[in-house]
């Protein structure tokens, strides 16, 4: 199956629909509605947000990039935010396609390294990132000390394209 992956404003209605679906799924997994440490991403700090649509034009996956302040993990580090795939599209390869597109976009932003946080109640996400070449890293920034967070990172010169 092929998807169309396009850069979309963070506050686009389809992007918002996907992020709301992600929030509902995370609320169900964690049993709480406030499970993200730190400042939630927004249009102001996510310069790249991608949405993947299926052959019928339905938005099925998304992900964004938020550059981190140099004092957090050094220069050239960008965080992946709001990576999500609707359940009906999981296992189709669309998440990998979005991840690779995010990696290309991050290189365009001058990033040397990508990092991300996912949760301990998301073993599917943990397996996905490890399979895609991301390595566990210490909790960083607002995730430090979180009992529900797992962080991963990957140097962008380790190309899997």
N, C-alpha and C. Protein backbone atom coordinates (compact mmCIF):
# COMPACT_ATOMS: atom_id res chain seq x y z
N UNK A 1 0.84 -1.19 0.00
CA UNK A 1 0.00 0.00 0.00
C UNK A 1 0.88 1.24 0.00
N UNK A 2 0.45 2.23 -0.68
CA UNK A 2 1.18 3.50 -0.74
C UNK A 2 0.40 4.58 -0.01
N UNK A 3 1.14 5.49 0.54
CA UNK A 3 0.55 6.61 1.26
C UNK A 3 1.08 7.89 0.68
N UNK A 4 0.34 8.93 0.88
CA UNK A 4 0.78 10.28 0.56
C UNK A 4 1.13 10.93 1.89
N UNK A 5 2.38 11.33 2.02
CA UNK A 5 2.82 11.97 3.26
C UNK A 5 3.13 13.42 2.94
N UNK A 6 2.44 14.32 3.63
CA UNK A 6 2.62 15.74 3.35
C UNK A 6 2.87 16.51 4.64
N UNK A 7 3.57 17.63 4.49
CA UNK A 7 3.75 18.55 5.60
C UNK A 7 2.42 19.28 5.79
N UNK A 8 1.98 19.31 7.01
CA UNK A 8 0.67 19.85 7.36
C UNK A 8 0.84 20.78 8.57
N UNK A 9 0.11 21.88 8.61
CA UNK A 9 0.18 22.69 9.83
C UNK A 9 -0.20 21.87 11.06
N UNK A 10 0.47 22.10 12.15
CA UNK A 10 0.21 21.37 13.39
C UNK A 10 -1.26 21.46 13.78
N UNK A 11 -1.87 22.62 13.56
CA UNK A 11 -3.26 22.82 13.97
C UNK A 11 -4.28 22.51 12.88
N UNK A 12 -3.86 21.85 11.81
CA UNK A 12 -4.77 21.41 10.76
C UNK A 12 -5.82 20.47 11.35
N UNK A 13 -7.08 20.54 10.90
CA UNK A 13 -8.13 19.68 11.47
C UNK A 13 -7.82 18.18 11.40
N UNK A 14 -7.24 17.70 10.30
CA UNK A 14 -6.92 16.26 10.23
C UNK A 14 -5.81 15.89 11.20
N UNK A 15 -4.80 16.76 11.31
CA UNK A 15 -3.72 16.53 12.27
C UNK A 15 -4.28 16.53 13.69
N UNK A 16 -5.18 17.46 13.95
CA UNK A 16 -5.79 17.55 15.27
C UNK A 16 -6.62 16.30 15.56
N UNK A 17 -7.35 15.79 14.58
CA UNK A 17 -8.14 14.57 14.77
C UNK A 17 -7.25 13.39 15.14
N UNK A 18 -6.09 13.26 14.46
CA UNK A 18 -5.17 12.17 14.77
C UNK A 18 -4.59 12.33 16.18
N UNK A 19 -4.22 13.54 16.54
CA UNK A 19 -3.66 13.76 17.88
C UNK A 19 -4.71 13.50 18.97
N UNK A 20 -5.97 13.85 18.72
CA UNK A 20 -7.03 13.55 19.69
C UNK A 20 -7.23 12.05 19.83
N UNK A 21 -7.17 11.32 18.72
CA UNK A 21 -7.29 9.86 18.79
C UNK A 21 -6.13 9.27 19.59
N UNK A 22 -4.93 9.81 19.39
CA UNK A 22 -3.78 9.36 20.17
C UNK A 22 -4.01 9.62 21.66
N UNK A 23 -4.49 10.80 21.97
CA UNK A 23 -4.73 11.17 23.37
C UNK A 23 -5.74 10.21 24.00
N UNK A 24 -6.82 9.88 23.29
CA UNK A 24 -7.82 8.96 23.82
C UNK A 24 -7.21 7.58 24.08
N UNK A 25 -6.36 7.12 23.17
CA UNK A 25 -5.73 5.82 23.35
C UNK A 25 -4.79 5.84 24.55
N UNK A 26 -4.02 6.91 24.69
CA UNK A 26 -3.11 7.01 25.83
C UNK A 26 -3.86 7.14 27.14
N UNK A 27 -4.97 7.88 27.14
CA UNK A 27 -5.79 7.98 28.35
C UNK A 27 -6.26 6.60 28.78
N UNK A 28 -6.67 5.77 27.82
CA UNK A 28 -7.14 4.42 28.13
C UNK A 28 -5.99 3.55 28.65
N UNK A 29 -4.81 3.69 28.07
CA UNK A 29 -3.68 2.86 28.50
C UNK A 29 -3.17 3.25 29.89
N UNK A 30 -3.14 4.56 30.15
CA UNK A 30 -2.54 5.04 31.40
C UNK A 30 -3.56 5.34 32.48
N UNK A 31 -4.85 5.42 32.10
CA UNK A 31 -5.89 5.66 33.08
C UNK A 31 -5.96 7.07 33.61
N UNK A 32 -5.23 7.97 33.00
CA UNK A 32 -5.25 9.38 33.40
C UNK A 32 -5.25 10.24 32.15
N UNK A 33 -5.69 11.48 32.29
CA UNK A 33 -5.72 12.35 31.12
C UNK A 33 -4.50 13.26 31.03
N UNK A 34 -3.69 13.33 32.08
CA UNK A 34 -2.49 14.18 32.04
C UNK A 34 -1.27 13.30 32.21
N UNK A 35 -0.80 12.72 31.10
CA UNK A 35 0.32 11.78 31.19
C UNK A 35 1.55 12.25 30.45
N UNK A 36 1.61 13.52 30.12
CA UNK A 36 2.81 14.03 29.45
C UNK A 36 3.52 15.03 30.34
N UNK A 37 4.74 14.69 30.75
CA UNK A 37 5.51 15.67 31.52
C UNK A 37 5.95 16.81 30.60
N UNK A 38 6.07 17.97 31.15
CA UNK A 38 6.58 19.10 30.38
C UNK A 38 5.52 19.80 29.56
N UNK A 39 6.01 20.68 28.70
CA UNK A 39 5.14 21.51 27.87
C UNK A 39 4.65 20.71 26.67
N UNK A 40 3.34 20.59 26.50
CA UNK A 40 2.83 19.88 25.32
C UNK A 40 3.26 20.59 24.04
N UNK A 41 3.48 19.84 22.97
CA UNK A 41 3.87 20.47 21.71
C UNK A 41 2.73 21.33 21.16
N UNK A 42 3.10 22.31 20.37
CA UNK A 42 2.11 23.21 19.78
C UNK A 42 2.61 23.69 18.42
N UNK A 43 1.76 24.41 17.72
CA UNK A 43 2.15 24.98 16.42
C UNK A 43 3.35 25.91 16.57
N UNK A 44 3.51 26.50 17.75
CA UNK A 44 4.61 27.44 17.98
C UNK A 44 5.98 26.76 18.05
N UNK A 45 6.02 25.48 18.46
CA UNK A 45 7.33 24.84 18.64
C UNK A 45 7.51 23.55 17.84
N UNK A 46 6.56 23.24 16.95
CA UNK A 46 6.67 22.08 16.07
C UNK A 46 6.68 22.59 14.63
N UNK A 47 7.87 22.89 14.09
CA UNK A 47 7.94 23.47 12.75
C UNK A 47 7.62 22.50 11.62
N UNK A 48 7.68 21.20 11.91
CA UNK A 48 7.38 20.19 10.89
C UNK A 48 6.37 19.23 11.49
N UNK A 49 5.23 19.07 10.80
CA UNK A 49 4.25 18.07 11.19
C UNK A 49 3.80 17.38 9.91
N UNK A 50 3.89 16.05 9.90
CA UNK A 50 3.55 15.27 8.72
C UNK A 50 2.28 14.46 8.97
N UNK A 51 1.46 14.36 7.92
CA UNK A 51 0.27 13.52 7.95
C UNK A 51 0.33 12.58 6.76
N UNK A 52 0.09 11.30 7.01
CA UNK A 52 0.03 10.29 5.95
C UNK A 52 -1.43 9.98 5.67
N UNK A 53 -1.76 9.95 4.38
CA UNK A 53 -3.11 9.59 3.95
C UNK A 53 -3.05 8.32 3.12
N UNK A 54 -4.09 7.51 3.25
CA UNK A 54 -4.16 6.28 2.48
C UNK A 54 -4.65 6.57 1.06
N UNK A 55 -4.84 5.53 0.28
CA UNK A 55 -5.24 5.68 -1.12
C UNK A 55 -6.59 6.38 -1.28
N UNK A 56 -7.44 6.31 -0.25
CA UNK A 56 -8.73 6.98 -0.30
C UNK A 56 -8.68 8.40 0.22
N UNK A 57 -7.48 8.84 0.63
CA UNK A 57 -7.33 10.20 1.14
C UNK A 57 -7.65 10.37 2.60
N UNK A 58 -7.73 9.26 3.33
CA UNK A 58 -8.03 9.31 4.76
C UNK A 58 -6.71 9.43 5.54
N UNK A 59 -6.64 10.39 6.45
CA UNK A 59 -5.45 10.57 7.29
C UNK A 59 -5.35 9.41 8.27
N UNK A 60 -4.22 8.67 8.21
CA UNK A 60 -4.06 7.46 9.03
C UNK A 60 -2.84 7.49 9.96
N UNK A 61 -1.94 8.44 9.78
CA UNK A 61 -0.74 8.48 10.62
C UNK A 61 -0.18 9.90 10.63
N UNK A 62 0.60 10.19 11.68
CA UNK A 62 1.19 11.52 11.77
C UNK A 62 2.43 11.49 12.65
N UNK A 63 3.14 12.58 12.62
CA UNK A 63 4.31 12.76 13.47
C UNK A 63 4.89 14.13 13.25
N UNK A 64 5.54 14.67 14.28
CA UNK A 64 6.11 16.00 14.18
C UNK A 64 7.53 16.06 14.72
N UNK A 65 8.15 17.20 14.50
CA UNK A 65 9.51 17.44 14.95
C UNK A 65 9.55 18.72 15.79
N UNK A 66 10.17 18.62 16.96
CA UNK A 66 10.35 19.78 17.83
C UNK A 66 11.84 19.90 18.17
N UNK A 67 12.51 20.93 17.61
CA UNK A 67 13.91 21.15 17.98
C UNK A 67 14.03 21.40 19.49
N UNK A 68 15.05 20.82 20.07
CA UNK A 68 15.29 21.01 21.51
C UNK A 68 16.30 22.12 21.73
N UNK A 69 16.15 22.81 22.84
CA UNK A 69 17.13 23.82 23.22
C UNK A 69 18.48 23.14 23.43
N UNK A 70 19.53 23.82 23.06
CA UNK A 70 20.87 23.23 23.12
C UNK A 70 21.23 22.73 24.52
N UNK A 71 20.74 23.40 25.56
CA UNK A 71 21.10 22.98 26.92
C UNK A 71 20.47 21.64 27.32
N UNK A 72 19.47 21.16 26.56
CA UNK A 72 18.81 19.90 26.93
C UNK A 72 19.70 18.70 26.61
N UNK A 73 20.11 18.57 25.34
CA UNK A 73 20.94 17.42 24.93
C UNK A 73 22.08 17.83 23.99
N UNK A 74 22.34 19.11 23.86
CA UNK A 74 23.38 19.57 22.96
C UNK A 74 22.79 20.12 21.67
N UNK A 75 23.68 20.55 20.80
CA UNK A 75 23.25 21.17 19.53
C UNK A 75 22.80 20.10 18.54
N UNK A 76 21.87 20.48 17.67
CA UNK A 76 21.47 19.61 16.58
C UNK A 76 20.58 18.44 16.96
N UNK A 77 19.85 18.57 18.08
CA UNK A 77 18.98 17.48 18.52
C UNK A 77 17.53 17.91 18.33
N UNK A 78 16.76 17.03 17.70
CA UNK A 78 15.34 17.28 17.45
C UNK A 78 14.54 16.12 18.03
N UNK A 79 13.43 16.46 18.66
CA UNK A 79 12.56 15.45 19.27
C UNK A 79 11.38 15.12 18.36
N UNK A 80 11.10 13.85 18.23
CA UNK A 80 9.90 13.39 17.53
C UNK A 80 8.73 13.52 18.49
N UNK A 81 7.66 14.16 18.03
CA UNK A 81 6.47 14.36 18.85
C UNK A 81 5.23 13.88 18.10
N UNK A 82 4.29 13.34 18.85
CA UNK A 82 2.96 12.97 18.37
C UNK A 82 2.96 12.00 17.21
N UNK A 83 3.90 11.06 17.26
CA UNK A 83 3.92 9.98 16.28
C UNK A 83 2.74 9.07 16.60
N UNK A 84 1.88 8.85 15.61
CA UNK A 84 0.67 8.07 15.85
C UNK A 84 0.17 7.46 14.55
N UNK A 85 -0.35 6.24 14.66
CA UNK A 85 -0.99 5.55 13.54
C UNK A 85 -2.32 5.01 14.03
N UNK A 86 -3.37 5.23 13.26
CA UNK A 86 -4.68 4.70 13.65
C UNK A 86 -4.60 3.17 13.69
N UNK A 87 -5.33 2.55 14.60
CA UNK A 87 -5.24 1.09 14.74
C UNK A 87 -5.45 0.32 13.44
N UNK A 88 -6.37 0.76 12.60
CA UNK A 88 -6.65 0.02 11.36
C UNK A 88 -5.50 0.05 10.36
N UNK A 89 -4.55 0.98 10.53
CA UNK A 89 -3.42 1.08 9.61
C UNK A 89 -2.13 0.51 10.20
N UNK A 90 -2.16 0.03 11.41
CA UNK A 90 -0.97 -0.54 12.03
C UNK A 90 -0.59 -1.84 11.33
N UNK A 91 0.69 -2.05 11.18
CA UNK A 91 1.18 -3.25 10.52
C UNK A 91 1.25 -3.12 9.01
N UNK A 92 0.91 -1.95 8.48
CA UNK A 92 0.91 -1.75 7.02
C UNK A 92 2.20 -1.12 6.50
N UNK A 93 3.04 -0.62 7.41
CA UNK A 93 4.26 0.06 7.00
C UNK A 93 4.15 1.57 6.99
N UNK A 94 2.98 2.11 7.24
CA UNK A 94 2.82 3.57 7.19
C UNK A 94 3.60 4.25 8.31
N UNK A 95 3.68 3.64 9.48
CA UNK A 95 4.45 4.27 10.57
C UNK A 95 5.92 4.37 10.19
N UNK A 96 6.46 3.34 9.59
CA UNK A 96 7.86 3.38 9.14
C UNK A 96 8.04 4.45 8.08
N UNK A 97 7.09 4.57 7.16
CA UNK A 97 7.17 5.60 6.12
C UNK A 97 7.16 7.00 6.74
N UNK A 98 6.31 7.23 7.74
CA UNK A 98 6.28 8.53 8.41
C UNK A 98 7.58 8.77 9.16
N UNK A 99 8.09 7.76 9.84
CA UNK A 99 9.34 7.91 10.58
C UNK A 99 10.49 8.27 9.63
N UNK A 100 10.60 7.59 8.50
CA UNK A 100 11.67 7.90 7.55
C UNK A 100 11.50 9.32 6.99
N UNK A 101 10.26 9.73 6.74
CA UNK A 101 10.01 11.09 6.26
C UNK A 101 10.40 12.12 7.32
N UNK A 102 10.12 11.82 8.59
CA UNK A 102 10.54 12.71 9.68
C UNK A 102 12.06 12.80 9.75
N UNK A 103 12.74 11.68 9.56
CA UNK A 103 14.20 11.69 9.57
C UNK A 103 14.75 12.57 8.46
N UNK A 104 14.17 12.48 7.26
CA UNK A 104 14.60 13.34 6.15
C UNK A 104 14.36 14.82 6.48
N UNK A 105 13.18 15.10 7.02
CA UNK A 105 12.86 16.49 7.38
C UNK A 105 13.81 17.00 8.47
N UNK A 106 14.14 16.15 9.43
CA UNK A 106 15.05 16.55 10.50
C UNK A 106 16.43 16.91 9.94
N UNK A 107 16.89 16.10 8.98
CA UNK A 107 18.17 16.43 8.34
C UNK A 107 18.08 17.80 7.70
N UNK A 108 16.94 18.10 7.08
CA UNK A 108 16.74 19.41 6.46
C UNK A 108 16.75 20.55 7.46
N UNK A 109 16.41 20.26 8.71
CA UNK A 109 16.47 21.26 9.77
C UNK A 109 17.88 21.38 10.35
N UNK A 110 18.79 20.55 9.88
CA UNK A 110 20.16 20.57 10.39
C UNK A 110 20.38 19.67 11.59
N UNK A 111 19.44 18.79 11.86
CA UNK A 111 19.57 17.90 13.02
C UNK A 111 20.64 16.85 12.76
N UNK A 112 21.37 16.52 13.82
CA UNK A 112 22.35 15.44 13.78
C UNK A 112 21.84 14.21 14.51
N UNK A 113 20.81 14.43 15.36
CA UNK A 113 20.31 13.34 16.19
C UNK A 113 18.82 13.54 16.44
N UNK A 114 18.09 12.43 16.43
CA UNK A 114 16.68 12.44 16.79
C UNK A 114 16.50 11.72 18.11
N UNK A 115 15.62 12.24 18.94
CA UNK A 115 15.29 11.60 20.21
C UNK A 115 13.77 11.57 20.32
N UNK A 116 13.30 10.72 21.22
CA UNK A 116 11.86 10.64 21.44
C UNK A 116 11.58 10.03 22.79
N UNK A 117 10.36 10.24 23.24
CA UNK A 117 9.88 9.63 24.47
C UNK A 117 8.62 8.86 24.13
N UNK A 118 8.51 7.68 24.70
CA UNK A 118 7.27 6.92 24.64
C UNK A 118 7.02 6.39 26.04
N UNK A 119 5.93 5.70 26.22
CA UNK A 119 5.57 5.29 27.57
C UNK A 119 5.77 3.81 27.84
N UNK A 120 5.89 3.51 29.11
CA UNK A 120 6.09 2.13 29.54
C UNK A 120 4.88 1.25 29.23
N UNK A 121 3.70 1.85 29.07
CA UNK A 121 2.49 1.08 28.73
C UNK A 121 2.28 0.99 27.22
N UNK A 122 3.34 1.25 26.47
CA UNK A 122 3.26 1.18 25.01
C UNK A 122 4.34 0.24 24.46
N UNK A 123 4.26 -1.05 24.80
CA UNK A 123 5.28 -1.98 24.34
C UNK A 123 5.35 -2.07 22.81
N UNK A 124 4.24 -1.84 22.14
CA UNK A 124 4.23 -1.84 20.67
C UNK A 124 5.10 -0.72 20.13
N UNK A 125 5.03 0.46 20.72
CA UNK A 125 5.86 1.58 20.29
C UNK A 125 7.33 1.32 20.60
N UNK A 126 7.60 0.77 21.75
CA UNK A 126 8.98 0.45 22.14
C UNK A 126 9.59 -0.52 21.12
N UNK A 127 8.85 -1.58 20.79
CA UNK A 127 9.35 -2.55 19.79
C UNK A 127 9.56 -1.87 18.43
N UNK A 128 8.63 -1.02 18.04
CA UNK A 128 8.72 -0.33 16.76
C UNK A 128 10.00 0.49 16.68
N UNK A 129 10.26 1.34 17.66
CA UNK A 129 11.44 2.20 17.61
C UNK A 129 12.73 1.38 17.66
N UNK A 130 12.77 0.34 18.47
CA UNK A 130 13.97 -0.50 18.50
C UNK A 130 14.18 -1.19 17.16
N UNK A 131 13.12 -1.69 16.57
CA UNK A 131 13.23 -2.33 15.26
C UNK A 131 13.73 -1.35 14.19
N UNK A 132 13.38 -0.08 14.35
CA UNK A 132 13.76 0.94 13.36
C UNK A 132 15.10 1.59 13.66
N UNK A 133 15.87 1.03 14.58
CA UNK A 133 17.24 1.48 14.79
C UNK A 133 17.44 2.50 15.90
N UNK A 134 16.43 2.73 16.71
CA UNK A 134 16.55 3.67 17.83
C UNK A 134 17.01 2.91 19.06
N UNK A 135 17.93 3.52 19.79
CA UNK A 135 18.52 2.90 20.97
C UNK A 135 18.01 3.57 22.24
N UNK A 136 17.84 2.82 23.33
CA UNK A 136 17.45 3.44 24.59
C UNK A 136 18.48 4.48 25.02
N UNK A 137 18.00 5.60 25.53
CA UNK A 137 18.85 6.65 26.07
C UNK A 137 18.31 7.05 27.43
N UNK A 138 19.13 7.74 28.24
CA UNK A 138 18.61 8.19 29.53
C UNK A 138 17.44 9.16 29.34
N UNK A 139 16.53 9.15 30.31
CA UNK A 139 15.44 10.11 30.28
C UNK A 139 16.03 11.52 30.26
N UNK A 140 15.44 12.39 29.44
CA UNK A 140 15.99 13.74 29.28
C UNK A 140 14.91 14.80 29.52
N UNK A 141 15.39 16.02 29.76
CA UNK A 141 14.48 17.15 29.91
C UNK A 141 13.38 16.88 30.93
N UNK A 142 12.15 17.19 30.55
CA UNK A 142 11.02 17.04 31.47
C UNK A 142 10.66 15.58 31.73
N UNK A 143 11.25 14.64 31.00
CA UNK A 143 10.99 13.22 31.22
C UNK A 143 11.86 12.64 32.34
N UNK A 144 12.93 13.33 32.70
CA UNK A 144 13.82 12.85 33.76
C UNK A 144 13.01 12.63 35.03
N UNK A 145 13.15 11.45 35.59
CA UNK A 145 12.45 11.11 36.81
C UNK A 145 11.05 10.56 36.61
N UNK A 146 10.58 10.50 35.37
CA UNK A 146 9.24 9.97 35.10
C UNK A 146 9.24 8.45 35.20
N UNK A 147 8.27 7.91 35.92
CA UNK A 147 8.14 6.45 36.03
C UNK A 147 7.48 5.84 34.81
N UNK A 148 6.84 6.67 33.97
CA UNK A 148 6.10 6.16 32.82
C UNK A 148 6.80 6.38 31.49
N UNK A 149 8.00 6.95 31.50
CA UNK A 149 8.68 7.30 30.26
C UNK A 149 9.84 6.38 29.93
N UNK A 150 10.02 6.17 28.62
CA UNK A 150 11.17 5.47 28.06
C UNK A 150 11.63 6.34 26.90
N UNK A 151 12.92 6.64 26.84
CA UNK A 151 13.44 7.50 25.78
C UNK A 151 14.37 6.73 24.85
N UNK A 152 14.38 7.15 23.59
CA UNK A 152 15.20 6.53 22.55
C UNK A 152 15.86 7.64 21.73
N UNK A 153 16.95 7.27 21.07
CA UNK A 153 17.62 8.22 20.20
C UNK A 153 18.34 7.51 19.06
N UNK A 154 18.67 8.30 18.05
CA UNK A 154 19.38 7.76 16.91
C UNK A 154 20.14 8.89 16.20
N UNK A 155 21.39 8.65 15.92
CA UNK A 155 22.16 9.61 15.11
C UNK A 155 21.66 9.52 13.68
N UNK A 156 21.53 10.66 13.05
CA UNK A 156 20.99 10.67 11.69
C UNK A 156 21.99 10.24 10.64
N UNK A 157 23.26 10.15 10.98
CA UNK A 157 24.21 9.63 10.00
C UNK A 157 24.16 8.10 9.93
N UNK A 158 23.38 7.49 10.84
CA UNK A 158 23.13 6.03 10.80
C UNK A 158 21.92 5.78 9.92
N UNK A 159 22.05 6.05 8.66
CA UNK A 159 20.90 6.04 7.75
C UNK A 159 20.32 4.64 7.56
N UNK A 160 19.01 4.57 7.65
CA UNK A 160 18.30 3.35 7.35
C UNK A 160 17.43 3.52 6.10
N UNK A 161 17.57 4.65 5.44
CA UNK A 161 16.74 4.92 4.25
C UNK A 161 16.97 3.91 3.18
